[in-house]
């Protein structure tokens, strides 16, 4: 899974930054625990995005911002560039 962006931290010898939304980590872990027969609960022990953010940073990945959604101008520009390159759209 490649979730790279050029807006946050750096990776290796390039200027590309890997970002990931902490809430995606929360969702992934929540469902994994439920699939294992456990009963996770959101909200009773605090905001789960805080430790998810810390985990991402511990792995060298910057937490993504809320404005990095499909509707953000940055993402729309990147999608337009991909469409132009792959589909010849302008």
Protein backbone atom coordinates (compact mmCIF):
# COMPACT_ATOMS: atom_id res chain seq x y z
CA UNK A 1 0.00 0.00 0.00
CA UNK A 2 1.56 3.28 -1.08
CA UNK A 3 0.21 6.41 0.59
CA UNK A 4 2.79 8.99 -0.38
CA UNK A 5 2.37 12.72 -0.47
CA UNK A 6 4.77 15.61 -0.94
CA UNK A 7 3.46 17.74 1.95
CA UNK A 8 4.86 16.22 5.14
CA UNK A 9 8.04 14.40 6.31
CA UNK A 10 10.77 12.95 4.10
CA UNK A 11 11.66 9.39 3.19
CA UNK A 12 15.09 8.08 2.27
CA UNK A 13 16.90 9.93 -0.48
CA UNK A 14 13.87 11.65 -2.04
CA UNK A 15 11.75 14.66 -1.20
CA UNK A 16 8.59 12.56 -1.08
CA UNK A 17 6.82 12.41 2.24
CA UNK A 18 4.69 9.55 3.38
CA UNK A 19 1.49 10.55 5.12
CA UNK A 20 -1.42 8.54 6.44
CA UNK A 21 -4.63 9.51 8.15
CA UNK A 22 -4.57 8.47 11.84
CA UNK A 23 -8.30 7.71 11.70
CA UNK A 24 -7.59 5.10 9.05
CA UNK A 25 -5.25 3.43 11.54
CA UNK A 26 -7.97 3.61 14.21
CA UNK A 27 -10.49 2.06 11.80
CA UNK A 28 -8.10 -0.69 10.73
CA UNK A 29 -7.17 -1.64 14.30
CA UNK A 30 -10.78 -1.43 15.50
CA UNK A 31 -11.96 -3.84 12.81
CA UNK A 32 -8.97 -6.15 13.27
CA UNK A 33 -9.70 -6.43 17.00
CA UNK A 34 -13.41 -7.06 16.33
CA UNK A 35 -12.52 -9.73 13.76
CA UNK A 36 -10.44 -11.43 16.46
CA UNK A 37 -13.52 -11.67 18.69
CA UNK A 38 -12.63 -8.72 20.90
CA UNK A 39 -15.02 -5.89 21.72
CA UNK A 40 -13.27 -2.53 21.13
CA UNK A 41 -15.13 0.62 22.16
CA UNK A 42 -14.43 4.11 20.82
CA UNK A 43 -14.36 7.19 23.01
CA UNK A 44 -14.46 5.76 26.53
CA UNK A 45 -10.69 5.95 27.04
CA UNK A 46 -10.03 9.17 25.13
CA UNK A 47 -9.33 10.16 21.55
CA UNK A 48 -7.81 7.17 19.72
CA UNK A 49 -6.36 9.41 17.02
CA UNK A 50 -3.74 10.70 19.49
CA UNK A 51 -1.98 7.34 19.99
CA UNK A 52 -2.56 6.48 16.31
CA UNK A 53 -0.71 9.68 15.39
CA UNK A 54 2.14 8.75 17.75
CA UNK A 55 2.32 5.28 16.20
CA UNK A 56 2.54 6.68 12.68
CA UNK A 57 5.33 9.04 13.72
CA UNK A 58 7.17 6.18 15.44
CA UNK A 59 7.13 4.44 12.06
CA UNK A 60 8.48 7.57 10.34
CA UNK A 61 5.16 8.46 8.69
CA UNK A 62 3.56 11.86 9.12
CA UNK A 63 -0.11 11.95 10.04
CA UNK A 64 -2.24 13.17 7.15
CA UNK A 65 -4.30 16.32 7.42
CA UNK A 66 -8.05 16.50 7.06
CA UNK A 67 -7.64 18.66 3.96
CA UNK A 68 -5.90 15.81 2.14
CA UNK A 69 -9.25 14.34 1.17
CA UNK A 70 -10.37 13.73 -2.39
CA UNK A 71 -11.95 17.18 -2.45
CA UNK A 72 -8.77 19.09 -1.53
CA UNK A 73 -7.15 21.17 -4.30
CA UNK A 74 -3.84 19.31 -3.87
CA UNK A 75 -5.47 15.93 -4.40
CA UNK A 76 -7.61 17.24 -7.28
CA UNK A 77 -4.48 18.59 -9.00
CA UNK A 78 -2.71 15.27 -8.58
CA UNK A 79 -5.73 13.36 -9.91
CA UNK A 80 -5.94 15.69 -12.93
CA UNK A 81 -2.24 15.11 -13.60
CA UNK A 82 -2.72 11.35 -13.40
CA UNK A 83 -5.75 11.47 -15.72
CA UNK A 84 -3.80 13.55 -18.23
CA UNK A 85 -0.81 11.22 -18.11
CA UNK A 86 -2.72 7.93 -18.11
CA UNK A 87 -5.86 8.77 -20.11
CA UNK A 88 -4.78 11.75 -22.18
CA UNK A 89 -7.44 13.93 -20.53
CA UNK A 90 -6.94 17.67 -20.19
